[in-house]
Amino acid sequence: MDSQQPSLEALQDIKRMMERSSRFISLSGLSGLSAGVCALIGAYIAHFWMSPNFGEDYPLYSPKTNLIVLALCVLLAALGSAFYFTWRKARKNRLPIWDHSSKKLLINLVIPLATGGLFVAALLYHNEGKLIVPSCLIFYGLTLVNASKYTLTDIRYLGILEIILGLVSMIYAEYGLYFWAIGFGLLHIVYGLIMWWKYDRQPGMGSGQVERKQE
């Protein structure tokens, strides 16, 4: 039995090295947390702008244009903060942020996300505003599920929840802003806290420990 122990440890080390080469493991829980906070701030501003009497005091106010600009600002803020925290974690663990695994992750993020963006643009063109939030949630969820093969598998569960929430919001489309706040805000914050607790909170946690948790 004792003679088999070194062999088992060697196999586990090989497995971890293969895992490291095929998965991007530098995602930080703080990335999800910051994205959720950005989404909640954006939802609050949008709710304020959509109040019945808001536009009366602002002659140049255009609800559709302003909400699109707001959504883009929230997206850029969320992506910027997510990149910063991911870069900081990769630097702390002495891991490259741009390698073969991160390239595969990016490709599998961009394809469904870009498809969803074009689909939402078509909805805007045809004035189908009520379906925008459900579509965003569903395509975003599909993006996370697709990308989970190349990073921490925990984001698969977030993706599934986003898809379910998007399907439910199609039935209650008039409450789209609330579903937006829940999906992109609260779920991201909860996910971020869980990821931080599992992978980030212990001082000096390195990639090997993350890989063992993935097993």
N, C-alpha and C. Protein backbone atom coordinates (compact mmCIF):
# COMPACT_ATOMS: atom_id res chain seq x y z
N MET A 1 0.83 -1.21 0.00
CA MET A 1 0.00 0.00 0.00
C MET A 1 0.86 1.25 0.00
N ASP A 2 1.92 1.26 0.84
CA ASP A 2 2.80 2.42 0.92
C ASP A 2 3.54 2.65 -0.39
N SER A 3 3.87 1.57 -1.10
CA SER A 3 4.60 1.72 -2.36
C SER A 3 3.73 2.35 -3.44
N GLN A 4 2.40 2.23 -3.29
CA GLN A 4 1.50 2.80 -4.28
C GLN A 4 1.27 4.30 -4.07
N GLN A 5 1.57 4.78 -2.85
CA GLN A 5 1.31 6.17 -2.53
C GLN A 5 2.08 7.14 -3.41
N PRO A 6 3.40 6.97 -3.62
CA PRO A 6 4.11 7.89 -4.52
C PRO A 6 3.55 7.90 -5.93
N SER A 7 3.12 6.73 -6.42
CA SER A 7 2.55 6.66 -7.77
C SER A 7 1.25 7.44 -7.86
N LEU A 8 0.42 7.32 -6.81
CA LEU A 8 -0.85 8.07 -6.80
C LEU A 8 -0.59 9.57 -6.75
N GLU A 9 0.38 9.98 -5.96
CA GLU A 9 0.70 11.40 -5.88
C GLU A 9 1.25 11.92 -7.20
N ALA A 10 2.05 11.09 -7.87
CA ALA A 10 2.59 11.49 -9.18
C ALA A 10 1.47 11.66 -10.20
N LEU A 11 0.49 10.73 -10.18
CA LEU A 11 -0.65 10.84 -11.09
C LEU A 11 -1.47 12.09 -10.80
N GLN A 12 -1.64 12.41 -9.51
CA GLN A 12 -2.39 13.61 -9.15
C GLN A 12 -1.66 14.87 -9.61
N ASP A 13 -0.32 14.86 -9.50
CA ASP A 13 0.46 16.01 -9.97
C ASP A 13 0.33 16.18 -11.47
N ILE A 14 0.37 15.06 -12.20
CA ILE A 14 0.19 15.13 -13.65
C ILE A 14 -1.18 15.67 -14.01
N LYS A 15 -2.20 15.20 -13.27
CA LYS A 15 -3.56 15.67 -13.52
C LYS A 15 -3.67 17.16 -13.28
N ARG A 16 -3.03 17.66 -12.21
CA ARG A 16 -3.10 19.08 -11.90
C ARG A 16 -2.37 19.90 -12.97
N MET A 17 -1.25 19.41 -13.47
CA MET A 17 -0.54 20.12 -14.52
C MET A 17 -1.37 20.19 -15.81
N MET A 18 -2.05 19.10 -16.12
CA MET A 18 -2.91 19.10 -17.31
C MET A 18 -4.07 20.06 -17.11
N GLU A 19 -4.61 20.10 -15.89
CA GLU A 19 -5.70 21.01 -15.58
C GLU A 19 -5.25 22.46 -15.72
N ARG A 20 -4.04 22.74 -15.26
CA ARG A 20 -3.51 24.10 -15.33
C ARG A 20 -3.32 24.54 -16.76
N SER A 21 -2.91 23.61 -17.62
CA SER A 21 -2.65 23.96 -19.02
C SER A 21 -3.93 24.15 -19.81
N SER A 22 -5.06 23.62 -19.34
CA SER A 22 -6.30 23.69 -20.11
C SER A 22 -7.35 24.61 -19.50
N ARG A 23 -7.11 25.13 -18.29
CA ARG A 23 -8.10 25.99 -17.64
C ARG A 23 -7.46 27.28 -17.17
N PHE A 24 -8.22 28.36 -17.30
CA PHE A 24 -7.78 29.65 -16.79
C PHE A 24 -8.28 29.76 -15.35
N ILE A 25 -7.37 29.74 -14.39
CA ILE A 25 -7.77 29.62 -12.98
C ILE A 25 -7.51 30.90 -12.18
N SER A 26 -7.28 32.02 -12.87
CA SER A 26 -6.98 33.26 -12.16
C SER A 26 -8.19 34.16 -11.96
N LEU A 27 -9.39 33.67 -12.28
CA LEU A 27 -10.58 34.48 -12.04
C LEU A 27 -10.72 34.77 -10.55
N SER A 28 -11.01 36.00 -10.22
CA SER A 28 -11.12 36.41 -8.83
C SER A 28 -12.59 36.57 -8.44
N GLY A 29 -12.91 36.19 -7.22
CA GLY A 29 -14.27 36.40 -6.72
C GLY A 29 -14.63 37.86 -6.66
N LEU A 30 -13.62 38.72 -6.47
CA LEU A 30 -13.88 40.16 -6.43
C LEU A 30 -14.32 40.69 -7.79
N SER A 31 -13.98 39.97 -8.87
CA SER A 31 -14.44 40.37 -10.20
C SER A 31 -15.97 40.28 -10.28
N GLY A 32 -16.51 39.15 -9.81
CA GLY A 32 -17.96 38.99 -9.80
C GLY A 32 -18.63 39.98 -8.88
N LEU A 33 -18.01 40.22 -7.73
CA LEU A 33 -18.56 41.16 -6.75
C LEU A 33 -18.64 42.57 -7.34
N SER A 34 -17.55 43.01 -7.97
CA SER A 34 -17.53 44.36 -8.54
C SER A 34 -18.51 44.50 -9.70
N ALA A 35 -18.63 43.45 -10.52
CA ALA A 35 -19.59 43.48 -11.63
C ALA A 35 -21.02 43.60 -11.10
N GLY A 36 -21.32 42.89 -10.00
CA GLY A 36 -22.64 42.97 -9.41
C GLY A 36 -22.95 44.35 -8.87
N VAL A 37 -21.98 44.96 -8.23
CA VAL A 37 -22.17 46.32 -7.71
C VAL A 37 -22.41 47.31 -8.85
N CYS A 38 -21.64 47.19 -9.93
CA CYS A 38 -21.84 48.06 -11.09
C CYS A 38 -23.24 47.90 -11.66
N ALA A 39 -23.71 46.66 -11.74
CA ALA A 39 -25.04 46.39 -12.29
C ALA A 39 -26.13 46.99 -11.41
N LEU A 40 -25.99 46.90 -10.09
CA LEU A 40 -26.99 47.46 -9.18
C LEU A 40 -27.03 48.99 -9.28
N ILE A 41 -25.86 49.60 -9.39
CA ILE A 41 -25.81 51.06 -9.55
C ILE A 41 -26.49 51.46 -10.85
N GLY A 42 -26.19 50.73 -11.93
CA GLY A 42 -26.83 51.01 -13.20
C GLY A 42 -28.33 50.83 -13.16
N ALA A 43 -28.80 49.78 -12.48
CA ALA A 43 -30.24 49.53 -12.37
C ALA A 43 -30.92 50.65 -11.58
N TYR A 44 -30.25 51.15 -10.55
CA TYR A 44 -30.82 52.25 -9.76
C TYR A 44 -30.96 53.51 -10.61
N ILE A 45 -29.91 53.83 -11.40
CA ILE A 45 -29.96 55.00 -12.26
C ILE A 45 -31.06 54.85 -13.31
N ALA A 46 -31.15 53.65 -13.90
CA ALA A 46 -32.18 53.40 -14.91
C ALA A 46 -33.58 53.54 -14.31
N HIS A 47 -33.77 53.03 -13.12
CA HIS A 47 -35.07 53.16 -12.44
C HIS A 47 -35.42 54.63 -12.22
N PHE A 48 -34.43 55.43 -11.85
CA PHE A 48 -34.64 56.85 -11.65
C PHE A 48 -35.00 57.54 -12.96
N TRP A 49 -34.29 57.20 -14.03
CA TRP A 49 -34.55 57.80 -15.33
C TRP A 49 -35.92 57.41 -15.89
N MET A 50 -36.38 56.21 -15.54
CA MET A 50 -37.64 55.72 -16.10
C MET A 50 -38.86 56.19 -15.31
N SER A 51 -38.65 57.00 -14.29
CA SER A 51 -39.79 57.54 -13.54
C SER A 51 -40.62 58.43 -14.46
N PRO A 52 -41.96 58.48 -14.26
CA PRO A 52 -42.86 59.15 -15.23
C PRO A 52 -42.52 60.61 -15.50
N ASN A 53 -42.09 61.36 -14.50
CA ASN A 53 -41.91 62.81 -14.67
C ASN A 53 -40.46 63.22 -14.90
N PHE A 54 -39.56 62.25 -15.04
CA PHE A 54 -38.15 62.60 -15.13
C PHE A 54 -37.84 63.40 -16.40
N GLY A 55 -38.35 62.97 -17.52
CA GLY A 55 -38.01 63.59 -18.79
C GLY A 55 -38.55 65.00 -18.98
N GLU A 56 -39.55 65.41 -18.17
CA GLU A 56 -40.16 66.73 -18.34
C GLU A 56 -39.17 67.86 -18.05
N ASP A 57 -38.24 67.62 -17.16
CA ASP A 57 -37.27 68.66 -16.79
C ASP A 57 -36.03 68.64 -17.67
N TYR A 58 -35.94 67.67 -18.58
CA TYR A 58 -34.74 67.52 -19.42
C TYR A 58 -35.19 67.37 -20.88
N PRO A 59 -35.30 68.50 -21.62
CA PRO A 59 -35.83 68.45 -23.00
C PRO A 59 -35.02 67.55 -23.93
N LEU A 60 -33.72 67.42 -23.70
CA LEU A 60 -32.88 66.61 -24.58
C LEU A 60 -32.83 65.14 -24.17
N TYR A 61 -33.61 64.78 -23.16
CA TYR A 61 -33.56 63.40 -22.66
C TYR A 61 -34.24 62.45 -23.64
N SER A 62 -33.53 61.40 -24.01
CA SER A 62 -34.07 60.35 -24.89
C SER A 62 -33.97 59.03 -24.16
N PRO A 63 -35.09 58.45 -23.71
CA PRO A 63 -35.04 57.25 -22.88
C PRO A 63 -34.24 56.11 -23.49
N LYS A 64 -34.50 55.80 -24.75
CA LYS A 64 -33.81 54.66 -25.37
C LYS A 64 -32.31 54.92 -25.49
N THR A 65 -31.95 56.09 -26.01
CA THR A 65 -30.52 56.40 -26.19
C THR A 65 -29.79 56.43 -24.86
N ASN A 66 -30.39 57.09 -23.86
CA ASN A 66 -29.72 57.21 -22.57
C ASN A 66 -29.56 55.86 -21.89
N LEU A 67 -30.55 54.99 -22.01
CA LEU A 67 -30.46 53.67 -21.39
C LEU A 67 -29.41 52.81 -22.08
N ILE A 68 -29.29 52.95 -23.40
CA ILE A 68 -28.25 52.21 -24.12
C ILE A 68 -26.87 52.68 -23.68
N VAL A 69 -26.69 54.00 -23.58
CA VAL A 69 -25.41 54.55 -23.13
C VAL A 69 -25.11 54.09 -21.71
N LEU A 70 -26.13 54.11 -20.85
CA LEU A 70 -25.95 53.66 -19.47
C LEU A 70 -25.53 52.19 -19.43
N ALA A 71 -26.18 51.35 -20.24
CA ALA A 71 -25.84 49.92 -20.27
C ALA A 71 -24.39 49.71 -20.72
N LEU A 72 -23.96 50.49 -21.72
CA LEU A 72 -22.57 50.37 -22.19
C LEU A 72 -21.59 50.82 -21.11
N CYS A 73 -21.93 51.88 -20.39
CA CYS A 73 -21.05 52.36 -19.31
C CYS A 73 -20.94 51.32 -18.20
N VAL A 74 -22.07 50.71 -17.85
CA VAL A 74 -22.06 49.66 -16.82
C VAL A 74 -21.22 48.48 -17.28
N LEU A 75 -21.37 48.09 -18.56
CA LEU A 75 -20.60 46.98 -19.10
C LEU A 75 -19.10 47.27 -19.05
N LEU A 76 -18.71 48.48 -19.47
CA LEU A 76 -17.29 48.83 -19.46
C LEU A 76 -16.74 48.87 -18.04
N ALA A 77 -17.52 49.40 -17.10
CA ALA A 77 -17.08 49.45 -15.71
C ALA A 77 -16.92 48.05 -15.13
N ALA A 78 -17.88 47.17 -15.45
CA ALA A 78 -17.82 45.80 -14.95
C ALA A 78 -16.63 45.05 -15.55
N LEU A 79 -16.43 45.21 -16.87
CA LEU A 79 -15.30 44.53 -17.51
C LEU A 79 -13.96 45.07 -17.00
N GLY A 80 -13.89 46.39 -16.82
CA GLY A 80 -12.65 46.98 -16.33
C GLY A 80 -12.28 46.51 -14.93
N SER A 81 -13.27 46.50 -14.04
CA SER A 81 -13.01 46.05 -12.67
C SER A 81 -12.69 44.55 -12.64
N ALA A 82 -13.40 43.77 -13.48
CA ALA A 82 -13.13 42.33 -13.52
C ALA A 82 -11.72 42.05 -14.02
N PHE A 83 -11.29 42.79 -15.04
CA PHE A 83 -9.93 42.61 -15.54
C PHE A 83 -8.90 42.96 -14.48
N TYR A 84 -9.14 44.06 -13.76
CA TYR A 84 -8.18 44.50 -12.75
C TYR A 84 -8.00 43.45 -11.66
N PHE A 85 -9.12 42.93 -11.12
CA PHE A 85 -9.01 41.96 -10.03
C PHE A 85 -8.44 40.63 -10.51
N THR A 86 -8.76 40.26 -11.75
CA THR A 86 -8.18 39.04 -12.31
C THR A 86 -6.68 39.21 -12.52
N TRP A 87 -6.28 40.36 -13.06
CA TRP A 87 -4.84 40.64 -13.25
C TRP A 87 -4.12 40.64 -11.91
N ARG A 88 -4.74 41.21 -10.89
CA ARG A 88 -4.10 41.28 -9.58
C ARG A 88 -3.91 39.89 -8.98
N LYS A 89 -4.93 39.03 -9.16
CA LYS A 89 -4.82 37.67 -8.63
C LYS A 89 -3.76 36.87 -9.39
N ALA A 90 -3.73 37.02 -10.72
CA ALA A 90 -2.73 36.31 -11.51
C ALA A 90 -1.32 36.75 -11.13
N ARG A 91 -1.16 38.04 -10.92
CA ARG A 91 0.16 38.55 -10.53
C ARG A 91 0.56 38.03 -9.15
N LYS A 92 -0.41 37.98 -8.23
CA LYS A 92 -0.13 37.50 -6.88
C LYS A 92 0.30 36.04 -6.90
N ASN A 93 -0.35 35.23 -7.73
CA ASN A 93 -0.02 33.82 -7.82
C ASN A 93 1.06 33.50 -8.84
N ARG A 94 1.64 34.57 -9.44
CA ARG A 94 2.71 34.41 -10.42
C ARG A 94 2.30 33.53 -11.60
N LEU A 95 1.11 33.82 -12.10
CA LEU A 95 0.58 33.10 -13.25
C LEU A 95 0.39 34.08 -14.41
N PRO A 96 0.57 33.64 -15.64
CA PRO A 96 0.34 34.53 -16.79
C PRO A 96 -1.15 34.78 -16.97
N ILE A 97 -1.51 36.01 -17.31
CA ILE A 97 -2.91 36.32 -17.54
C ILE A 97 -3.30 36.07 -19.00
N TRP A 98 -2.30 35.98 -19.88
CA TRP A 98 -2.58 35.74 -21.30
C TRP A 98 -1.76 34.53 -21.76
N ASP A 99 -2.42 33.40 -21.87
CA ASP A 99 -1.78 32.18 -22.33
C ASP A 99 -2.78 31.39 -23.15
N HIS A 100 -2.45 30.13 -23.44
CA HIS A 100 -3.32 29.31 -24.29
C HIS A 100 -4.70 29.13 -23.67
N SER A 101 -4.77 28.92 -22.36
CA SER A 101 -6.06 28.70 -21.70
C SER A 101 -6.91 29.96 -21.70
N SER A 102 -6.29 31.13 -21.48
CA SER A 102 -7.06 32.37 -21.49
C SER A 102 -7.55 32.71 -22.90
N LYS A 103 -6.78 32.34 -23.92
CA LYS A 103 -7.23 32.55 -25.30
C LYS A 103 -8.47 31.70 -25.59
N LYS A 104 -8.44 30.44 -25.17
CA LYS A 104 -9.60 29.57 -25.39
C LYS A 104 -10.81 30.09 -24.62
N LEU A 105 -10.56 30.57 -23.40
CA LEU A 105 -11.66 31.13 -22.60
C LEU A 105 -12.27 32.33 -23.31
N LEU A 106 -11.42 33.22 -23.82
CA LEU A 106 -11.91 34.43 -24.48
C LEU A 106 -12.74 34.09 -25.72
N ILE A 107 -12.26 33.13 -26.52
CA ILE A 107 -13.00 32.75 -27.72
C ILE A 107 -14.37 32.20 -27.36
N ASN A 108 -14.43 31.36 -26.33
CA ASN A 108 -15.70 30.76 -25.95
C ASN A 108 -16.60 31.73 -25.19
N LEU A 109 -16.06 32.85 -24.76
CA LEU A 109 -16.88 33.93 -24.21
C LEU A 109 -17.45 34.80 -25.31
N VAL A 110 -16.60 35.12 -26.28
CA VAL A 110 -16.97 36.11 -27.29
C VAL A 110 -18.06 35.60 -28.23
N ILE A 111 -17.98 34.34 -28.65
CA ILE A 111 -18.92 33.84 -29.66
C ILE A 111 -20.37 33.94 -29.21
N PRO A 112 -20.78 33.32 -28.08
CA PRO A 112 -22.18 33.45 -27.68
C PRO A 112 -22.54 34.86 -27.21
N LEU A 113 -21.55 35.59 -26.63
CA LEU A 113 -21.84 36.94 -26.16
C LEU A 113 -22.08 37.89 -27.32
N ALA A 114 -21.27 37.77 -28.38
CA ALA A 114 -21.47 38.61 -29.56
C ALA A 114 -22.78 38.27 -30.26
N THR A 115 -23.11 36.98 -30.30
CA THR A 115 -24.38 36.56 -30.89
C THR A 115 -25.55 37.18 -30.12
N GLY A 116 -25.46 37.12 -28.80
CA GLY A 116 -26.50 37.73 -27.97
C GLY A 116 -26.59 39.23 -28.18
N GLY A 117 -25.42 39.91 -28.32
CA GLY A 117 -25.44 41.34 -28.55
C GLY A 117 -26.13 41.71 -29.86
N LEU A 118 -25.86 40.94 -30.92
CA LEU A 118 -26.52 41.18 -32.20
C LEU A 118 -28.02 40.90 -32.12
N PHE A 119 -28.39 39.87 -31.36
CA PHE A 119 -29.81 39.54 -31.19
C PHE A 119 -30.52 40.67 -30.46
N VAL A 120 -29.91 41.20 -29.42
CA VAL A 120 -30.50 42.32 -28.67
C VAL A 120 -30.60 43.56 -29.55
N ALA A 121 -29.57 43.81 -30.39
CA ALA A 121 -29.62 44.94 -31.31
C ALA A 121 -30.81 44.80 -32.28
N ALA A 122 -31.07 43.58 -32.73
CA ALA A 122 -32.22 43.34 -33.61
C ALA A 122 -33.53 43.60 -32.87
N LEU A 123 -33.59 43.23 -31.59
CA LEU A 123 -34.79 43.52 -30.81
C LEU A 123 -35.01 45.02 -30.68
N LEU A 124 -33.93 45.76 -30.47
CA LEU A 124 -34.05 47.22 -30.40
C LEU A 124 -34.54 47.79 -31.73
N TYR A 125 -34.01 47.26 -32.82
CA TYR A 125 -34.41 47.73 -34.15
C TYR A 125 -35.90 47.53 -34.40
N HIS A 126 -36.43 46.41 -33.89
CA HIS A 126 -37.84 46.09 -34.09
C HIS A 126 -38.71 46.55 -32.92
N ASN A 127 -38.13 47.36 -32.02
CA ASN A 127 -38.88 47.92 -30.88
C ASN A 127 -39.49 46.85 -29.98
N GLU A 128 -38.77 45.77 -29.78
CA GLU A 128 -39.22 44.71 -28.88
C GLU A 128 -38.49 44.86 -27.54
N GLY A 129 -38.71 46.00 -26.91
CA GLY A 129 -37.96 46.33 -25.70
C GLY A 129 -38.17 45.37 -24.54
N LYS A 130 -39.35 44.79 -24.43
CA LYS A 130 -39.64 43.93 -23.29
C LYS A 130 -38.85 42.63 -23.30
N LEU A 131 -38.34 42.25 -24.46
CA LEU A 131 -37.59 41.01 -24.56
C LEU A 131 -36.08 41.20 -24.41
N ILE A 132 -35.65 42.44 -24.21
CA ILE A 132 -34.21 42.71 -24.14
C ILE A 132 -33.59 42.10 -22.89
N VAL A 133 -34.21 42.35 -21.74
CA VAL A 133 -33.65 41.82 -20.48
C VAL A 133 -33.64 40.29 -20.47
N PRO A 134 -34.76 39.61 -20.81
CA PRO A 134 -34.70 38.14 -20.86
C PRO A 134 -33.62 37.63 -21.81
N SER A 135 -33.48 38.27 -22.96
CA SER A 135 -32.47 37.84 -23.93
C SER A 135 -31.06 38.02 -23.38
N CYS A 136 -30.82 39.16 -22.72
CA CYS A 136 -29.49 39.40 -22.13
C CYS A 136 -29.17 38.33 -21.10
N LEU A 137 -30.12 38.02 -20.24
CA LEU A 137 -29.89 37.03 -19.19
C LEU A 137 -29.64 35.65 -19.78
N ILE A 138 -30.44 35.26 -20.76
CA ILE A 138 -30.32 33.93 -21.35
C ILE A 138 -28.99 33.78 -22.10
N PHE A 139 -28.66 34.75 -22.95
CA PHE A 139 -27.40 34.65 -23.70
C PHE A 139 -26.20 34.74 -22.78
N TYR A 140 -26.30 35.55 -21.74
CA TYR A 140 -25.19 35.64 -20.79
C TYR A 140 -25.01 34.32 -20.05
N GLY A 141 -26.13 33.72 -19.67
CA GLY A 141 -26.06 32.42 -19.01
C GLY A 141 -25.44 31.36 -19.91
N LEU A 142 -25.84 31.34 -21.17
CA LEU A 142 -25.26 30.40 -22.13
C LEU A 142 -23.76 30.65 -22.30
N THR A 143 -23.37 31.92 -22.27
CA THR A 143 -21.95 32.27 -22.38
C THR A 143 -21.16 31.69 -21.21
N LEU A 144 -21.69 31.83 -20.00
CA LEU A 144 -20.99 31.33 -18.83
C LEU A 144 -20.89 29.80 -18.84
N VAL A 145 -21.97 29.14 -19.23
CA VAL A 145 -21.96 27.68 -19.30
C VAL A 145 -20.93 27.22 -20.33
N ASN A 146 -20.89 27.89 -21.46
CA ASN A 146 -19.94 27.52 -22.51
C ASN A 146 -18.50 27.76 -22.06
N ALA A 147 -18.26 28.85 -21.34
CA ALA A 147 -16.90 29.20 -20.92
C ALA A 147 -16.43 28.39 -19.72
N SER A 148 -17.35 27.77 -19.00
CA SER A 148 -16.98 27.06 -17.77
C SER A 148 -16.06 25.87 -18.05
N LYS A 149 -16.01 25.41 -19.30
CA LYS A 149 -15.11 24.31 -19.65
C LYS A 149 -13.65 24.73 -19.63
N TYR A 150 -13.40 26.05 -19.63
CA TYR A 150 -12.03 26.54 -19.74
C TYR A 150 -11.60 27.39 -18.55
N THR A 151 -12.40 27.38 -17.48
CA THR A 151 -12.02 28.12 -16.28
C THR A 151 -12.63 27.41 -15.07
N LEU A 152 -12.76 28.10 -13.96
CA LEU A 152 -13.34 27.49 -12.77
C LEU A 152 -14.76 27.01 -13.06
N THR A 153 -15.04 25.76 -12.76
CA THR A 153 -16.33 25.17 -13.13
C THR A 153 -17.50 25.79 -12.36
N ASP A 154 -17.21 26.56 -11.31
CA ASP A 154 -18.28 27.15 -10.53
C ASP A 154 -19.14 28.11 -11.34
N ILE A 155 -18.57 28.73 -12.38
CA ILE A 155 -19.37 29.69 -13.13
C ILE A 155 -20.47 29.00 -13.94
N ARG A 156 -20.38 27.68 -14.10
CA ARG A 156 -21.46 26.95 -14.78
C ARG A 156 -22.78 27.12 -14.01
N TYR A 157 -22.70 27.05 -12.68
CA TYR A 157 -23.92 27.17 -11.88
C TYR A 157 -24.50 28.58 -11.95
N LEU A 158 -23.63 29.58 -12.00
CA LEU A 158 -24.11 30.95 -12.19
C LEU A 158 -24.79 31.07 -13.55
N GLY A 159 -24.20 30.46 -14.58
CA GLY A 159 -24.81 30.50 -15.90
C GLY A 159 -26.18 29.85 -15.95
N ILE A 160 -26.32 28.71 -15.29
CA ILE A 160 -27.62 28.02 -15.26
C ILE A 160 -28.67 28.88 -14.56
N LEU A 161 -28.29 29.52 -13.47
CA LEU A 161 -29.23 30.40 -12.77
C LEU A 161 -29.63 31.59 -13.64
N GLU A 162 -28.67 32.14 -14.39
CA GLU A 162 -28.98 33.26 -15.28
C GLU A 162 -29.98 32.82 -16.37
N ILE A 163 -29.79 31.63 -16.91
CA ILE A 163 -30.71 31.12 -17.94
C ILE A 163 -32.11 30.95 -17.37
N ILE A 164 -32.20 30.33 -16.20
CA ILE A 164 -33.51 30.13 -15.57
C ILE A 164 -34.19 31.47 -15.30
N LEU A 165 -33.43 32.41 -14.76
CA LEU A 165 -33.99 33.73 -14.48
C LEU A 165 -34.46 34.42 -15.76
N GLY A 166 -33.69 34.27 -16.83
CA GLY A 166 -34.09 34.86 -18.11
C GLY A 166 -35.38 34.26 -18.64
N LEU A 167 -35.53 32.96 -18.51
CA LEU A 167 -36.76 32.31 -18.98
C LEU A 167 -37.97 32.76 -18.16
N VAL A 168 -37.77 32.90 -16.86
CA VAL A 168 -38.87 33.37 -16.01
C VAL A 168 -39.22 34.82 -16.35
N SER A 169 -38.21 35.64 -16.63
CA SER A 169 -38.46 37.05 -16.92
C SER A 169 -39.20 37.24 -18.24
N MET A 170 -39.17 36.25 -19.13
CA MET A 170 -39.94 36.34 -20.36
C MET A 170 -41.43 36.32 -20.07
N ILE A 171 -41.82 35.67 -18.99
CA ILE A 171 -43.23 35.61 -18.61
C ILE A 171 -43.65 36.91 -17.92
N TYR A 172 -42.74 37.47 -17.13
CA TYR A 172 -43.02 38.70 -16.39
C TYR A 172 -42.15 39.83 -16.96
N ALA A 173 -42.28 40.06 -18.25
CA ALA A 173 -41.39 41.00 -18.95
C ALA A 173 -41.54 42.43 -18.44
N GLU A 174 -42.69 42.76 -17.88
CA GLU A 174 -42.88 44.14 -17.40
C GLU A 174 -42.01 44.48 -16.19
N TYR A 175 -41.46 43.46 -15.57
CA TYR A 175 -40.57 43.67 -14.42
C TYR A 175 -39.11 43.45 -14.82
N GLY A 176 -38.81 43.77 -16.07
CA GLY A 176 -37.48 43.48 -16.61
C GLY A 176 -36.34 44.10 -15.83
N LEU A 177 -36.52 45.34 -15.37
CA LEU A 177 -35.45 46.01 -14.64
C LEU A 177 -35.11 45.29 -13.34
N TYR A 178 -36.14 44.75 -12.68
CA TYR A 178 -35.90 44.02 -11.43
C TYR A 178 -35.16 42.70 -11.70
N PHE A 179 -35.54 42.03 -12.78
CA PHE A 179 -34.82 40.80 -13.15
C PHE A 179 -33.37 41.12 -13.52
N TRP A 180 -33.17 42.26 -14.18
CA TRP A 180 -31.81 42.69 -14.52
C TRP A 180 -30.98 42.87 -13.25
N ALA A 181 -31.58 43.56 -12.27
CA ALA A 181 -30.87 43.82 -11.01
C ALA A 181 -30.56 42.52 -10.28
N ILE A 182 -31.49 41.57 -10.33
CA ILE A 182 -31.26 40.28 -9.66
C ILE A 182 -30.18 39.48 -10.39
N GLY A 183 -30.33 39.37 -11.73
CA GLY A 183 -29.41 38.53 -12.50
C GLY A 183 -28.00 39.06 -12.57
N PHE A 184 -27.87 40.33 -12.95
CA PHE A 184 -26.54 40.91 -13.13
C PHE A 184 -26.00 41.55 -11.86
N GLY A 185 -26.89 41.81 -10.90
CA GLY A 185 -26.46 42.43 -9.66
C GLY A 185 -26.32 41.44 -8.52
N LEU A 186 -27.46 40.99 -7.99
CA LEU A 186 -27.43 40.15 -6.79
C LEU A 186 -26.74 38.81 -7.02
N LEU A 187 -27.04 38.15 -8.14
CA LEU A 187 -26.41 36.85 -8.40
C LEU A 187 -24.90 36.98 -8.55
N HIS A 188 -24.44 38.06 -9.17
CA HIS A 188 -23.00 38.28 -9.29
C HIS A 188 -22.36 38.51 -7.94
N ILE A 189 -23.04 39.26 -7.08
CA ILE A 189 -22.48 39.53 -5.76
C ILE A 189 -22.39 38.25 -4.94
N VAL A 190 -23.46 37.45 -4.96
CA VAL A 190 -23.45 36.18 -4.23
C VAL A 190 -22.36 35.26 -4.78
N TYR A 191 -22.30 35.16 -6.13
CA TYR A 191 -21.26 34.34 -6.76
C TYR A 191 -19.87 34.83 -6.38
N GLY A 192 -19.66 36.15 -6.44
CA GLY A 192 -18.36 36.71 -6.11
C GLY A 192 -17.95 36.41 -4.68
N LEU A 193 -18.89 36.51 -3.75
CA LEU A 193 -18.58 36.23 -2.35
C LEU A 193 -18.22 34.75 -2.16
N ILE A 194 -18.95 33.86 -2.84
CA ILE A 194 -18.66 32.42 -2.74
C ILE A 194 -17.28 32.12 -3.32
N MET A 195 -16.98 32.70 -4.48
CA MET A 195 -15.67 32.48 -5.10
C MET A 195 -14.54 33.04 -4.22
N TRP A 196 -14.78 34.21 -3.65
CA TRP A 196 -13.77 34.79 -2.77
C TRP A 196 -13.55 33.90 -1.55
N TRP A 197 -14.63 33.36 -1.00
CA TRP A 197 -14.52 32.51 0.18
C TRP A 197 -13.79 31.21 -0.15
N LYS A 198 -14.05 30.65 -1.32
CA LYS A 198 -13.46 29.36 -1.68
C LYS A 198 -12.01 29.48 -2.12
N TYR A 199 -11.67 30.54 -2.87
CA TYR A 199 -10.38 30.57 -3.54
C TYR A 199 -9.47 31.74 -3.18
N ASP A 200 -10.04 32.85 -2.69
CA ASP A 200 -9.23 34.06 -2.55
C ASP A 200 -8.92 34.46 -1.11
N ARG A 201 -9.71 34.03 -0.16
CA ARG A 201 -9.62 34.61 1.18
C ARG A 201 -8.39 34.15 1.94
N GLN A 202 -7.85 32.97 1.65
CA GLN A 202 -6.70 32.48 2.39
C GLN A 202 -5.43 33.15 1.88
N PRO A 203 -4.66 33.76 2.76
CA PRO A 203 -3.44 34.44 2.32
C PRO A 203 -2.48 33.48 1.62
N GLY A 204 -1.98 33.92 0.47
CA GLY A 204 -0.98 33.11 -0.22
C GLY A 204 -1.53 31.90 -0.93
N MET A 205 -2.86 31.83 -1.14
CA MET A 205 -3.40 30.67 -1.84
C MET A 205 -2.92 30.69 -3.28
N GLY A 206 -2.33 29.63 -3.69
CA GLY A 206 -1.75 29.56 -5.03
C GLY A 206 -2.58 28.71 -5.95
N SER A 207 -2.06 28.53 -7.16
CA SER A 207 -2.80 27.81 -8.18
C SER A 207 -2.97 26.34 -7.82
N GLY A 208 -2.00 25.75 -7.17
CA GLY A 208 -2.13 24.34 -6.82
C GLY A 208 -3.27 24.08 -5.88
N GLN A 209 -3.49 25.02 -4.93
CA GLN A 209 -4.59 24.85 -3.99
C GLN A 209 -5.93 25.02 -4.70
N VAL A 210 -5.99 25.96 -5.64
CA VAL A 210 -7.22 26.13 -6.41
C VAL A 210 -7.53 24.87 -7.18
N GLU A 211 -6.53 24.27 -7.79
CA GLU A 211 -6.74 23.06 -8.57
C GLU A 211 -7.24 21.92 -7.69
N ARG A 212 -6.68 21.81 -6.48
CA ARG A 212 -7.14 20.74 -5.59
C ARG A 212 -8.60 20.93 -5.22
N LYS A 213 -9.02 22.22 -5.04
CA LYS A 213 -10.42 22.47 -4.74
C LYS A 213 -11.31 22.11 -5.92
N GLN A 214 -10.78 22.28 -7.14
CA GLN A 214 -11.56 21.94 -8.31
C GLN A 214 -11.81 20.45 -8.39
N GLU A 215 -10.91 19.64 -7.86
CA GLU A 215 -11.09 18.20 -7.89
C GLU A 215 -12.24 17.77 -7.00
